[in-house]
N, C-alpha and C. Protein backbone atom coordinates (compact mmCIF):
# COMPACT_ATOMS: atom_id res chain seq x y z
N MET A 1 -11.98 -84.27 28.18
CA MET A 1 -13.45 -84.18 28.38
C MET A 1 -13.38 -82.17 28.99
N ASN A 2 -14.08 -81.54 28.55
CA ASN A 2 -13.86 -80.04 29.08
C ASN A 2 -14.88 -79.96 30.10
N PHE A 3 -14.49 -78.40 31.02
CA PHE A 3 -15.28 -78.25 32.27
C PHE A 3 -16.96 -78.84 32.21
N LEU A 4 -17.48 -78.04 30.77
CA LEU A 4 -18.62 -78.09 30.79
C LEU A 4 -19.17 -79.21 30.61
N SER A 5 -18.69 -80.17 29.62
CA SER A 5 -19.17 -81.45 29.69
C SER A 5 -19.30 -82.59 30.48
N LYS A 6 -18.30 -82.10 32.00
CA LYS A 6 -18.31 -82.96 33.48
C LYS A 6 -19.25 -82.51 33.83
N LEU A 7 -19.85 -80.99 34.06
CA LEU A 7 -20.78 -80.41 34.67
C LEU A 7 -22.26 -81.22 34.25
N LEU A 8 -22.05 -81.34 32.98
CA LEU A 8 -23.17 -81.55 32.37
C LEU A 8 -23.73 -83.07 32.51
N GLN A 9 -22.55 -84.21 32.38
CA GLN A 9 -22.50 -85.37 32.61
C GLN A 9 -22.97 -86.60 34.14
N GLY A 10 -22.34 -84.49 34.78
CA GLY A 10 -22.55 -84.93 36.65
C GLY A 10 -24.35 -84.59 36.99
N ILE A 11 -24.64 -83.68 36.37
CA ILE A 11 -25.80 -83.44 36.44
C ILE A 11 -27.11 -84.34 35.83
N SER A 12 -26.57 -85.14 34.85
CA SER A 12 -27.37 -86.16 33.78
C SER A 12 -27.65 -87.63 34.54
N LEU A 13 -26.30 -87.70 35.35
CA LEU A 13 -26.11 -89.06 36.22
C LEU A 13 -27.04 -89.08 37.61
N ALA A 14 -27.05 -87.79 38.32
CA ALA A 14 -27.81 -87.59 39.19
C ALA A 14 -29.19 -88.34 39.86
N PRO A 15 -30.17 -88.45 39.09
CA PRO A 15 -31.35 -88.65 39.58
C PRO A 15 -31.37 -90.33 39.24
N SER A 16 -30.36 -90.78 38.09
CA SER A 16 -30.49 -92.80 37.95
C SER A 16 -29.98 -92.68 39.51
N VAL A 17 -28.84 -92.32 39.52
CA VAL A 17 -27.56 -92.29 40.84
C VAL A 17 -28.43 -92.49 42.20
N VAL A 18 -29.26 -91.19 42.41
CA VAL A 18 -29.99 -90.82 43.66
C VAL A 18 -31.24 -92.13 43.70
N ASN A 19 -31.85 -92.68 42.50
CA ASN A 19 -32.84 -93.81 42.97
C ASN A 19 -32.08 -95.31 43.56
N GLY A 20 -30.90 -95.59 42.41
CA GLY A 20 -30.15 -96.66 42.77
C GLY A 20 -29.68 -96.79 44.13
N ILE A 21 -29.15 -95.66 45.03
CA ILE A 21 -28.66 -95.31 46.04
C ILE A 21 -29.80 -95.56 46.85
N GLU A 22 -30.80 -94.67 47.02
CA GLU A 22 -32.06 -95.26 48.00
C GLU A 22 -32.27 -96.70 47.68
N GLY A 23 -32.54 -97.19 46.92
CA GLY A 23 -32.62 -98.76 46.38
C GLY A 23 -31.48 -99.76 47.59
N LEU A 24 -30.52 -98.63 47.39
CA LEU A 24 -29.17 -99.43 48.40
C LEU A 24 -29.29 -99.90 49.64
N LEU A 25 -29.02 -98.15 49.95
CA LEU A 25 -29.74 -97.51 51.21
C LEU A 25 -30.58 -97.14 51.99
N GLY A 26 -31.62 -97.81 51.65
CA GLY A 26 -32.91 -96.72 52.01
C GLY A 26 -33.15 -96.91 53.55
N ALA A 27 -32.46 -97.64 54.39
CA ALA A 27 -32.62 -97.61 55.73
C ALA A 27 -31.38 -96.52 56.58
N LYS A 28 -30.32 -96.28 55.61
CA LYS A 28 -29.44 -95.17 56.23
C LYS A 28 -30.07 -94.12 56.26
N SER A 29 -28.98 -92.98 57.16
CA SER A 29 -29.64 -91.89 57.21
C SER A 29 -29.34 -90.81 55.35
N GLY A 30 -30.39 -89.78 55.76
CA GLY A 30 -30.25 -89.32 54.36
C GLY A 30 -28.70 -88.77 53.95
N SER A 31 -27.80 -88.03 55.14
CA SER A 31 -26.01 -87.82 54.99
C SER A 31 -25.31 -89.21 54.48
N ASP A 32 -25.91 -90.04 54.77
CA ASP A 32 -24.94 -91.55 54.19
C ASP A 32 -25.39 -91.19 52.86
N LYS A 33 -26.97 -91.30 52.27
CA LYS A 33 -27.43 -91.94 51.38
C LYS A 33 -26.23 -90.55 49.76
N LYS A 34 -26.78 -88.92 50.57
CA LYS A 34 -25.74 -87.83 49.62
C LYS A 34 -24.46 -88.33 49.57
N SER A 35 -23.89 -89.04 51.02
CA SER A 35 -22.34 -88.66 50.49
C SER A 35 -22.32 -90.36 49.43
N ALA A 36 -23.02 -91.22 49.49
CA ALA A 36 -23.00 -92.24 48.93
C ALA A 36 -22.94 -92.09 47.28
N ALA A 37 -24.33 -91.00 47.08
CA ALA A 37 -24.25 -90.82 45.63
C ALA A 37 -23.13 -89.55 45.17
N LEU A 38 -22.75 -89.01 46.03
CA LEU A 38 -21.63 -88.07 45.40
C LEU A 38 -20.61 -88.82 45.13
N ASN A 39 -20.02 -89.84 45.68
CA ASN A 39 -19.26 -90.25 45.58
C ASN A 39 -19.11 -91.13 44.56
N PHE A 40 -20.27 -91.87 44.12
CA PHE A 40 -20.40 -91.99 43.00
C PHE A 40 -20.63 -91.26 41.58
N VAL A 41 -21.02 -90.14 41.88
CA VAL A 41 -21.30 -89.22 40.75
C VAL A 41 -19.81 -88.98 40.49
N GLN A 42 -19.10 -88.66 41.26
CA GLN A 42 -17.58 -88.06 41.48
C GLN A 42 -16.81 -89.21 40.53
N SER A 43 -16.95 -90.17 41.23
CA SER A 43 -16.22 -91.07 40.43
C SER A 43 -16.38 -91.69 38.73
N ALA A 44 -17.94 -91.48 38.39
CA ALA A 44 -18.34 -91.33 37.44
C ALA A 44 -17.59 -90.81 36.33
N ILE A 45 -18.04 -89.30 36.83
CA ILE A 45 -17.14 -88.50 35.94
C ILE A 45 -15.77 -88.49 35.87
N SER A 46 -14.99 -88.82 36.78
CA SER A 46 -13.34 -88.76 36.58
C SER A 46 -13.37 -87.40 37.39
N VAL A 47 -13.86 -87.55 38.53
CA VAL A 47 -13.31 -85.73 38.78
C VAL A 47 -11.91 -85.64 39.77
N THR A 48 -11.59 -86.26 40.00
CA THR A 48 -9.77 -86.54 40.15
C THR A 48 -9.05 -86.05 38.94
N ASP A 49 -9.46 -87.07 37.97
CA ASP A 49 -8.65 -86.45 36.70
C ASP A 49 -8.84 -85.47 36.40
N ALA A 50 -10.17 -84.86 36.27
CA ALA A 50 -10.56 -83.74 35.76
C ALA A 50 -9.71 -82.45 36.38
N VAL A 51 -9.46 -82.87 38.32
CA VAL A 51 -8.62 -81.75 38.80
C VAL A 51 -7.23 -81.81 38.73
N SER A 52 -6.61 -83.25 38.21
CA SER A 52 -5.59 -83.21 37.79
C SER A 52 -4.97 -82.91 36.68
N ASN A 53 -5.87 -82.79 35.39
CA ASN A 53 -5.40 -81.96 34.45
C ASN A 53 -6.18 -80.38 34.31
N LYS A 54 -6.37 -79.94 35.74
CA LYS A 54 -7.04 -78.35 35.60
C LYS A 54 -8.42 -78.19 34.95
N GLN A 55 -8.80 -79.44 34.48
CA GLN A 55 -10.24 -78.79 34.36
C GLN A 55 -11.26 -78.39 35.00
N ILE A 56 -10.98 -78.57 36.11
CA ILE A 56 -11.46 -78.46 37.63
C ILE A 56 -10.75 -77.80 38.66
N VAL A 57 -10.81 -76.31 38.75
CA VAL A 57 -9.55 -75.99 39.42
C VAL A 57 -9.91 -75.54 41.30
N ASP A 58 -11.05 -76.09 41.59
CA ASP A 58 -11.55 -75.83 42.89
C ASP A 58 -12.37 -77.15 43.43
N GLU A 59 -11.81 -78.10 43.52
CA GLU A 59 -13.18 -79.46 44.14
C GLU A 59 -13.91 -79.24 45.35
N SER A 60 -13.27 -78.78 45.92
CA SER A 60 -14.09 -78.30 47.04
C SER A 60 -15.60 -77.89 46.10
N LYS A 61 -15.19 -76.69 45.73
CA LYS A 61 -16.50 -76.20 45.00
C LYS A 61 -17.33 -76.52 44.55
N PHE A 62 -16.76 -77.40 43.18
CA PHE A 62 -17.48 -78.64 42.74
C PHE A 62 -18.29 -79.43 43.35
N SER A 63 -17.34 -80.23 44.57
CA SER A 63 -18.30 -81.14 45.15
C SER A 63 -19.23 -80.62 45.72
N ASP A 64 -19.73 -79.61 46.22
CA ASP A 64 -20.68 -78.67 46.92
C ASP A 64 -21.50 -77.94 45.90
N GLY A 65 -20.64 -78.10 44.71
CA GLY A 65 -22.25 -77.87 43.46
C GLY A 65 -23.03 -78.73 43.06
N LEU A 66 -22.10 -80.42 43.41
CA LEU A 66 -22.96 -81.41 43.07
C LEU A 66 -23.61 -81.96 44.03
N GLY A 67 -23.29 -81.76 44.74
CA GLY A 67 -23.95 -81.71 46.61
C GLY A 67 -25.78 -81.31 46.47
N LYS A 68 -25.00 -79.71 46.11
CA LYS A 68 -26.93 -79.30 45.58
C LYS A 68 -27.59 -80.05 44.48
N VAL A 69 -26.85 -80.41 43.37
CA VAL A 69 -27.34 -80.87 42.90
C VAL A 69 -28.30 -81.83 43.15
N ILE A 70 -27.48 -82.88 43.97
CA ILE A 70 -28.31 -84.26 43.89
C ILE A 70 -28.84 -84.05 45.24
N ASP A 71 -29.50 -82.82 46.10
CA ASP A 71 -30.05 -82.47 47.06
C ASP A 71 -31.13 -82.10 46.56
N GLY A 72 -31.34 -80.93 45.10
CA GLY A 72 -32.45 -80.46 44.39
C GLY A 72 -33.35 -82.20 43.54
N VAL A 73 -32.57 -82.88 43.45
CA VAL A 73 -32.65 -84.20 42.57
C VAL A 73 -33.63 -84.95 43.47
N VAL A 74 -33.03 -85.20 45.00
CA VAL A 74 -33.69 -85.51 45.95
C VAL A 74 -35.29 -84.79 46.00
N ALA A 75 -35.16 -83.53 46.48
CA ALA A 75 -36.30 -82.79 46.86
C ALA A 75 -37.15 -83.09 45.64
N CYS A 76 -37.20 -82.84 44.07
CA CYS A 76 -37.94 -83.18 43.57
C CYS A 76 -38.47 -84.37 43.34
N LEU A 77 -37.93 -85.40 42.90
CA LEU A 77 -38.19 -87.15 43.44
C LEU A 77 -39.19 -86.94 44.94
N ASN A 78 -39.15 -86.05 46.18
CA ASN A 78 -39.89 -86.25 47.17
C ASN A 78 -40.86 -85.39 46.53
N ALA A 79 -40.90 -85.03 46.23
CA ALA A 79 -42.31 -83.76 45.47
C ALA A 79 -42.99 -84.68 44.66
N SER A 80 -42.63 -85.99 43.97
CA SER A 80 -43.34 -86.70 43.00
C SER A 80 -44.10 -88.20 43.58
N VAL A 81 -44.94 -88.66 42.06
CA VAL A 81 -45.10 -89.75 42.31
C VAL A 81 -43.96 -91.07 42.86
N TRP A 82 -42.85 -90.34 42.45
CA TRP A 82 -41.97 -91.65 42.85
C TRP A 82 -41.83 -92.02 44.29
N ALA A 83 -42.18 -90.58 45.07
CA ALA A 83 -41.87 -90.94 46.45
C ALA A 83 -42.96 -91.52 47.56
N LYS A 84 -44.42 -91.47 46.37
CA LYS A 84 -45.44 -92.32 46.69
C LYS A 84 -45.34 -93.84 47.30
N LYS A 85 -44.36 -94.74 45.60
CA LYS A 85 -43.94 -95.59 45.95
C LYS A 85 -43.44 -96.31 46.99
N ALA A 86 -42.79 -95.41 47.65
CA ALA A 86 -42.10 -96.27 48.58
C ALA A 86 -43.27 -96.33 50.17
N ASN A 87 -44.49 -95.86 49.70
CA ASN A 87 -45.31 -95.64 50.86
C ASN A 87 -46.27 -96.86 51.15
């Protein structure tokens, strides 16, 4: 799978992963939930394999980017009707 496919797969997984992590770890801190979501997405798209196959050449920057995607998803969800369900 090429880099663009990996990136798009990570982006497409983020909303459902964030929603699931919120359900599982609702009482945990935001950073704990973000870390869990990031670990799940990275595992799901096989970041380790992509790094070893040289599809991702800077794992740290890729992880940082995925973290920003997750932050964006959380911001969008918190600004939507989804956030009202929790109240």
